[in-house]
Each structure stands twice: as C-alpha cells, then as structure tokens.
Amino acid sequence: LCEVESIVSNDEVIRKNLTVTRLCIAMTYLQGSYMEILISEIEQVCMSPKYHARRAAIEFVQNMVFCNLFNVRIYNKHLHDVVLKCLFDEQFEVRTIASVTLSGFYQCGYILVSNEDLKLFKTMSKITYFTKVDGKKVTSPENIVKRHGGILGLCAVVLSSPYDIPTYIPDTLMLLAEHSHDPDIIQVSIAYHS
C-alpha cells in the first residue's frame, strides 16, 4: 500500500483511499506474530527507491505504534532504528515525517530520550556542509542532509516535552539557536519544528 501511492499519485480519490486503508490497518490490534512480519515489511519499504513509499511507511509506523502501544513495546529498539534511518533520508519529506514520528515516540514514552540520541543529533547537526572542489568552497548536499537530520532530531527532542523542561532541553535549544543562520532548509525546520 505504501509503494502503490507513488504510482497513482495523480488520482486524488485513490490516494485518499490508500491513506485511509493504511490508517485502518495501522489502527487494527495486531498480534505479535503479525507484528514481526509487518515490521519486517516496513523495513523493506523504508529502503524503497520511491520516497513516497518511505514517507508513507513512516506515517504508518507512527499510527501503528500509537494504536498498538502495549503490544508493540518489545519492538521499540527496532522501530527506533527505522525512524532514525529515515531521519537522515535523502528526501526532505521523509526526514520531516520521521522527526514528527520520533517526537511522538519520545512524548508518549515509547522511546526515551537517550544520551546516545542527543550525542548523535548534536554530532550530525555540527557537520560542516561546505566542501572544497577544485579549490572552491561548495555546498555538499550529502552533508546538508546529515546536518538537517541532526537538527530535526534536536527539534524532535524539544517538541517531545511540551509541558515540562527536562534538564537536556536548555542545551538542546541553545544548539538549535546556533543554526539560525544555516541554509534555508535548516532555518525553516528550526522555526517550524521547535
């Protein structure tokens, strides 16, 4: 269902029906044996060359976890890895959905904000996006993606605590403030996601 969306993207009715179908499946109570198969399929879709499919898979993961929170807990490490992989996806839309999903996971306690996550996001957000080619300073698209993923991870951490201020939030906000003059894609993400 995730793969089909990119094929029929011109037909709004079919696209909406696919979205509703995915949502209904995600909202269904799933037993453990089905959950393993489904997560395996989600991992495959997240490696698809079609970004529409990857984006739809992450949206599906978000709905599936929230609707199956108690029987999907044992897969939290697995799904955390899937979401982190998508947080550094080459496609902007996939990264932003992954950030929202990660924030939701943190907020509902499905995944705890860990020092490892904070360290990863901090490291990735500090990657320089300039590289030298023939003696000229040029922007590296790969490094922009990594830096943007780190920023979106930091934004997910901030958005995960709307009612309290954990000890790591002030430092995280200061890190985000350091990037207020980064390329537009990063500036907009900071303003929108935090």
C-alpha atoms as a PDB file:
ATOM      1  CA  LEU A   1       0.000   0.000   0.000  1.00  0.00           C
ATOM      2  CA  CYS A   2       2.931   2.341   0.603  1.00  0.00           C
ATOM      3  CA  GLU A   3       4.507   1.536  -2.769  1.00  0.00           C
ATOM      4  CA  VAL A   4       1.264   1.976  -4.723  1.00  0.00           C
ATOM      5  CA  GLU A   5       0.791   5.602  -3.678  1.00  0.00           C
ATOM      6  CA  SER A   6       3.575   6.863  -5.924  1.00  0.00           C
ATOM      7  CA  ILE A   7       2.075   5.050  -8.918  1.00  0.00           C
ATOM      8  CA  VAL A   8      -1.384   6.602  -8.552  1.00  0.00           C
ATOM      9  CA  SER A   9      -0.304   9.967  -7.185  1.00  0.00           C
ATOM     10  CA  ASN A  10      -2.279  11.812  -9.879  1.00  0.00           C
ATOM     11  CA  ASP A  11      -5.621  10.397  -8.739  1.00  0.00           C
ATOM     12  CA  GLU A  12      -6.662  12.196  -5.553  1.00  0.00           C
ATOM     13  CA  VAL A  13      -9.518   9.783  -4.737  1.00  0.00           C
ATOM     14  CA  ILE A  14      -7.303   6.703  -4.951  1.00  0.00           C
ATOM     15  CA  ARG A  15      -4.581   8.428  -2.934  1.00  0.00           C
ATOM     16  CA  LYS A  16      -7.047   9.311  -0.170  1.00  0.00           C
ATOM     17  CA  ASN A  17      -8.430   5.768  -0.177  1.00  0.00           C
ATOM     18  CA  LEU A  18      -4.906   4.374   0.161  1.00  0.00           C
ATOM     19  CA  THR A  19      -4.224   6.703   3.077  1.00  0.00           C
ATOM     20  CA  VAL A  20      -7.433   5.647   4.826  1.00  0.00           C
ATOM     21  CA  THR A  21      -6.680   1.965   4.170  1.00  0.00           C
ATOM     22  CA  ARG A  22      -3.184   2.302   5.652  1.00  0.00           C
ATOM     23  CA  LEU A  23      -4.623   4.140   8.640  1.00  0.00           C
ATOM     24  CA  CYS A  24      -7.238   1.428   9.225  1.00  0.00           C
ATOM     25  CA  ILE A  25      -4.587  -1.292   9.085  1.00  0.00           C
ATOM     26  CA  ALA A  26      -2.348   0.680  11.453  1.00  0.00           C
ATOM     27  CA  MET A  27      -5.237   1.147  13.879  1.00  0.00           C
ATOM     28  CA  THR A  28      -6.038  -2.569  13.921  1.00  0.00           C
ATOM     29  CA  TYR A  29      -4.991  -4.516  17.003  1.00  0.00           C
ATOM     30  CA  LEU A  30      -2.140  -6.688  15.769  1.00  0.00           C
ATOM     31  CA  GLN A  31      -0.915  -9.846  17.459  1.00  0.00           C
ATOM     32  CA  GLY A  32       2.790 -10.445  17.983  1.00  0.00           C
ATOM     33  CA  SER A  33       3.265 -12.892  15.109  1.00  0.00           C
ATOM     34  CA  TYR A  34       1.764 -10.412  12.639  1.00  0.00           C
ATOM     35  CA  MET A  35       3.701  -7.551  14.156  1.00  0.00           C
ATOM     36  CA  GLU A  36       7.067  -9.156  13.345  1.00  0.00           C
ATOM     37  CA  ILE A  37       6.076  -9.689   9.719  1.00  0.00           C
ATOM     38  CA  LEU A  38       4.705  -6.159   9.445  1.00  0.00           C
ATOM     39  CA  ILE A  39       7.837  -4.575  10.904  1.00  0.00           C
ATOM     40  CA  SER A  40       9.963  -6.600   8.501  1.00  0.00           C
ATOM     41  CA  GLU A  41       7.866  -5.288   5.601  1.00  0.00           C
ATOM     42  CA  ILE A  42       8.123  -1.729   6.919  1.00  0.00           C
ATOM     43  CA  GLU A  43      11.913  -2.044   6.943  1.00  0.00           C
ATOM     44  CA  GLN A  44      11.818  -3.179   3.314  1.00  0.00           C
ATOM     45  CA  VAL A  45       9.591  -0.273   2.293  1.00  0.00           C
ATOM     46  CA  CYS A  46      11.894   2.181   4.095  1.00  0.00           C
ATOM     47  CA  MET A  47      14.652   1.050   1.714  1.00  0.00           C
ATOM     48  CA  SER A  48      12.481   1.626  -1.360  1.00  0.00           C
ATOM     49  CA  PRO A  49      13.851   3.937  -4.053  1.00  0.00           C
ATOM     50  CA  LYS A  50      10.444   5.676  -4.042  1.00  0.00           C
ATOM     51  CA  TYR A  51      10.376   8.425  -1.450  1.00  0.00           C
ATOM     52  CA  HIS A  52       6.564   8.455  -1.395  1.00  0.00           C
ATOM     53  CA  ALA A  53       6.675   4.865  -0.162  1.00  0.00           C
ATOM     54  CA  ARG A  54       9.270   5.669   2.517  1.00  0.00           C
ATOM     55  CA  ARG A  55       7.217   8.646   3.715  1.00  0.00           C
ATOM     56  CA  ALA A  56       4.017   6.584   3.811  1.00  0.00           C
ATOM     57  CA  ALA A  57       5.814   3.823   5.741  1.00  0.00           C
ATOM     58  CA  ILE A  58       6.964   6.236   8.463  1.00  0.00           C
ATOM     59  CA  GLU A  59       3.452   7.696   8.750  1.00  0.00           C
ATOM     60  CA  PHE A  60       2.173   4.122   9.049  1.00  0.00           C
ATOM     61  CA  VAL A  61       4.712   3.333  11.787  1.00  0.00           C
ATOM     62  CA  GLN A  62       3.570   6.361  13.763  1.00  0.00           C
ATOM     63  CA  ASN A  63      -0.099   5.334  13.643  1.00  0.00           C
ATOM     64  CA  MET A  64       0.663   1.657  14.239  1.00  0.00           C
ATOM     65  CA  VAL A  65       2.698   2.358  17.372  1.00  0.00           C
ATOM     66  CA  PHE A  66       0.153   4.741  18.875  1.00  0.00           C
ATOM     67  CA  CYS A  67      -2.703   2.293  18.244  1.00  0.00           C
ATOM     68  CA  ASN A  68      -0.768  -0.813  19.360  1.00  0.00           C
ATOM     69  CA  LEU A  69       1.348   0.794  22.065  1.00  0.00           C
ATOM     70  CA  PHE A  70       1.235  -2.082  24.519  1.00  0.00           C
ATOM     71  CA  ASN A  71       1.863  -4.998  22.182  1.00  0.00           C
ATOM     72  CA  VAL A  72       4.495  -3.198  20.109  1.00  0.00           C
ATOM     73  CA  ARG A  73       6.713  -2.184  23.060  1.00  0.00           C
ATOM     74  CA  ILE A  74       9.071  -5.106  22.553  1.00  0.00           C
ATOM     75  CA  TYR A  75       9.925  -3.738  19.098  1.00  0.00           C
ATOM     76  CA  ASN A  76      10.854  -0.232  20.289  1.00  0.00           C
ATOM     77  CA  LYS A  77      14.587  -0.620  19.559  1.00  0.00           C
ATOM     78  CA  HIS A  78      13.816  -1.986  16.117  1.00  0.00           C
ATOM     79  CA  LEU A  79      11.389   0.813  15.222  1.00  0.00           C
ATOM     80  CA  HIS A  80      13.694   3.414  16.773  1.00  0.00           C
ATOM     81  CA  ASP A  81      16.391   2.316  14.314  1.00  0.00           C
ATOM     82  CA  VAL A  82      13.942   2.525  11.392  1.00  0.00           C
ATOM     83  CA  VAL A  83      12.872   6.055  12.347  1.00  0.00           C
ATOM     84  CA  LEU A  84      16.483   7.209  12.859  1.00  0.00           C
ATOM     85  CA  LYS A  85      17.409   5.853   9.438  1.00  0.00           C
ATOM     86  CA  CYS A  86      14.551   7.841   7.902  1.00  0.00           C
ATOM     87  CA  LEU A  87      15.559  10.933   9.877  1.00  0.00           C
ATOM     88  CA  PHE A  88      18.680  11.043   7.704  1.00  0.00           C
ATOM     89  CA  ASP A  89      16.898  10.113   4.460  1.00  0.00           C
ATOM     90  CA  GLU A  90      17.897  11.913   1.278  1.00  0.00           C
ATOM     91  CA  GLN A  91      14.342  13.198   0.795  1.00  0.00           C
ATOM     92  CA  PHE A  92      13.147  16.218   2.805  1.00  0.00           C
ATOM     93  CA  GLU A  93       9.565  14.935   3.227  1.00  0.00           C
ATOM     94  CA  VAL A  94      10.744  11.628   4.688  1.00  0.00           C
ATOM     95  CA  ARG A  95      13.042  13.405   7.163  1.00  0.00           C
ATOM     96  CA  THR A  96      10.325  15.756   8.408  1.00  0.00           C
ATOM     97  CA  ILE A  97       7.781  12.948   8.930  1.00  0.00           C
ATOM     98  CA  ALA A  98      10.464  10.916  10.725  1.00  0.00           C
ATOM     99  CA  SER A  99      11.108  13.890  13.032  1.00  0.00           C
ATOM    100  CA  VAL A 100       7.415  14.194  13.909  1.00  0.00           C
ATOM    101  CA  THR A 101       7.217  10.427  14.469  1.00  0.00           C
ATOM    102  CA  LEU A 102      10.306  10.433  16.689  1.00  0.00           C
ATOM    103  CA  SER A 103       8.940  13.339  18.725  1.00  0.00           C
ATOM    104  CA  GLY A 104       5.690  11.451  19.239  1.00  0.00           C
ATOM    105  CA  PHE A 105       7.587   8.337  20.329  1.00  0.00           C
ATOM    106  CA  TYR A 106       9.534  10.401  22.860  1.00  0.00           C
ATOM    107  CA  GLN A 107       6.433  12.217  24.090  1.00  0.00           C
ATOM    108  CA  CYS A 108       4.345   9.093  24.718  1.00  0.00           C
ATOM    109  CA  GLY A 109       7.271   7.300  26.373  1.00  0.00           C
ATOM    110  CA  TYR A 110       7.561   4.605  23.708  1.00  0.00           C
ATOM    111  CA  ILE A 111      11.214   5.587  23.378  1.00  0.00           C
ATOM    112  CA  LEU A 112      13.102   7.586  25.982  1.00  0.00           C
ATOM    113  CA  VAL A 113      15.367  10.460  25.001  1.00  0.00           C
ATOM    114  CA  SER A 114      18.777   8.892  25.464  1.00  0.00           C
ATOM    115  CA  ASN A 115      22.249  10.365  25.749  1.00  0.00           C
ATOM    116  CA  GLU A 116      23.146   8.372  22.631  1.00  0.00           C
ATOM    117  CA  ASP A 117      20.377  10.087  20.643  1.00  0.00           C
ATOM    118  CA  LEU A 118      21.353  13.520  21.945  1.00  0.00           C
ATOM    119  CA  LYS A 119      25.003  12.863  21.106  1.00  0.00           C
ATOM    120  CA  LEU A 120      24.107  11.642  17.596  1.00  0.00           C
ATOM    121  CA  PHE A 121      21.894  14.662  16.885  1.00  0.00           C
ATOM    122  CA  LYS A 122      24.491  17.076  18.253  1.00  0.00           C
ATOM    123  CA  THR A 123      27.273  15.484  16.190  1.00  0.00           C
ATOM    124  CA  MET A 124      25.215  15.425  12.998  1.00  0.00           C
ATOM    125  CA  SER A 125      23.990  18.998  13.484  1.00  0.00           C
ATOM    126  CA  LYS A 126      27.589  20.204  13.615  1.00  0.00           C
ATOM    127  CA  ILE A 127      28.680  18.551  10.357  1.00  0.00           C
ATOM    128  CA  THR A 128      30.053  21.198   8.062  1.00  0.00           C
ATOM    129  CA  TYR A 129      28.067  21.458   4.870  1.00  0.00           C
ATOM    130  CA  PHE A 130      30.864  23.030   2.852  1.00  0.00           C
ATOM    131  CA  THR A 131      33.437  21.063   0.938  1.00  0.00           C
ATOM    132  CA  LYS A 132      36.230  22.071  -1.408  1.00  0.00           C
ATOM    133  CA  VAL A 133      36.032  21.128  -5.069  1.00  0.00           C
ATOM    134  CA  ASP A 134      38.832  22.346  -7.317  1.00  0.00           C
ATOM    135  CA  GLY A 135      39.853  24.821  -4.628  1.00  0.00           C
ATOM    136  CA  LYS A 136      36.355  26.326  -4.438  1.00  0.00           C
ATOM    137  CA  LYS A 137      34.087  26.169  -1.424  1.00  0.00           C
ATOM    138  CA  VAL A 138      30.816  24.462  -2.407  1.00  0.00           C
ATOM    139  CA  THR A 139      27.820  23.149  -0.506  1.00  0.00           C
ATOM    140  CA  SER A 140      27.718  19.375  -0.106  1.00  0.00           C
ATOM    141  CA  PRO A 141      24.149  18.038  -0.489  1.00  0.00           C
ATOM    142  CA  GLU A 142      25.032  14.886   1.482  1.00  0.00           C
ATOM    143  CA  ASN A 143      26.322  16.939   4.405  1.00  0.00           C
ATOM    144  CA  ILE A 144      23.273  19.230   4.296  1.00  0.00           C
ATOM    145  CA  VAL A 145      21.082  16.105   4.618  1.00  0.00           C
ATOM    146  CA  LYS A 146      23.111  14.865   7.607  1.00  0.00           C
ATOM    147  CA  ARG A 147      23.084  18.270   9.277  1.00  0.00           C
ATOM    148  CA  HIS A 148      19.369  18.705   8.624  1.00  0.00           C
ATOM    149  CA  GLY A 149      18.683  15.246  10.087  1.00  0.00           C
ATOM    150  CA  GLY A 150      20.609  16.216  13.222  1.00  0.00           C
ATOM    151  CA  ILE A 151      18.639  19.454  13.505  1.00  0.00           C
ATOM    152  CA  LEU A 152      15.345  17.609  13.031  1.00  0.00           C
ATOM    153  CA  GLY A 153      16.408  15.158  15.743  1.00  0.00           C
ATOM    154  CA  LEU A 154      17.079  18.053  18.114  1.00  0.00           C
ATOM    155  CA  CYS A 155      13.697  19.561  17.180  1.00  0.00           C
ATOM    156  CA  ALA A 156      12.029  16.212  17.956  1.00  0.00           C
ATOM    157  CA  VAL A 157      13.648  16.249  21.394  1.00  0.00           C
ATOM    158  CA  VAL A 158      12.387  19.784  22.101  1.00  0.00           C
ATOM    159  CA  LEU A 159       8.865  19.060  20.847  1.00  0.00           C
ATOM    160  CA  SER A 160       8.649  15.907  22.944  1.00  0.00           C
ATOM    161  CA  SER A 161       8.348  17.904  26.180  1.00  0.00           C
ATOM    162  CA  PRO A 162       5.571  20.461  25.727  1.00  0.00           C
ATOM    163  CA  TYR A 163       4.584  20.561  29.411  1.00  0.00           C
ATOM    164  CA  ASP A 164       7.863  20.352  31.279  1.00  0.00           C
ATOM    165  CA  ILE A 165      11.507  21.235  30.819  1.00  0.00           C
ATOM    166  CA  PRO A 166      13.837  18.258  31.268  1.00  0.00           C
ATOM    167  CA  THR A 167      17.464  19.072  32.030  1.00  0.00           C
ATOM    168  CA  TYR A 168      18.598  18.483  28.434  1.00  0.00           C
ATOM    169  CA  ILE A 169      16.119  20.950  26.837  1.00  0.00           C
ATOM    170  CA  PRO A 170      18.014  24.234  27.521  1.00  0.00           C
ATOM    171  CA  ASP A 171      21.217  22.869  25.942  1.00  0.00           C
ATOM    172  CA  THR A 172      19.223  21.496  23.025  1.00  0.00           C
ATOM    173  CA  LEU A 173      17.586  24.883  22.440  1.00  0.00           C
ATOM    174  CA  MET A 174      20.995  26.572  22.547  1.00  0.00           C
ATOM    175  CA  LEU A 175      22.262  24.121  19.926  1.00  0.00           C
ATOM    176  CA  LEU A 176      19.296  24.945  17.706  1.00  0.00           C
ATOM    177  CA  ALA A 177      19.910  28.675  18.166  1.00  0.00           C
ATOM    178  CA  GLU A 178      23.447  28.209  16.820  1.00  0.00           C
ATOM    179  CA  HIS A 179      21.934  27.178  13.488  1.00  0.00           C
ATOM    180  CA  SER A 180      19.717  30.202  12.919  1.00  0.00           C
ATOM    181  CA  HIS A 181      21.949  31.307  10.026  1.00  0.00           C
ATOM    182  CA  ASP A 182      22.237  27.929   8.326  1.00  0.00           C
ATOM    183  CA  PRO A 183      20.808  27.313   4.834  1.00  0.00           C
ATOM    184  CA  ASP A 184      17.080  27.943   4.393  1.00  0.00           C
ATOM    185  CA  ILE A 185      16.037  24.306   4.722  1.00  0.00           C
ATOM    186  CA  ILE A 186      17.514  24.203   8.238  1.00  0.00           C
ATOM    187  CA  GLN A 187      16.270  27.656   9.305  1.00  0.00           C
ATOM    188  CA  VAL A 188      12.716  26.805   8.246  1.00  0.00           C
ATOM    189  CA  SER A 189      12.840  23.462  10.049  1.00  0.00           C
ATOM    190  CA  ILE A 190      14.000  25.083  13.276  1.00  0.00           C
ATOM    191  CA  ALA A 191      11.259  27.715  13.090  1.00  0.00           C
ATOM    192  CA  TYR A 192       8.550  25.212  12.172  1.00  0.00           C
ATOM    193  CA  HIS A 193       9.520  22.239  14.345  1.00  0.00           C
ATOM    194  CA  SER A 194      10.572  23.963  17.568  1.00  0.00           C
END
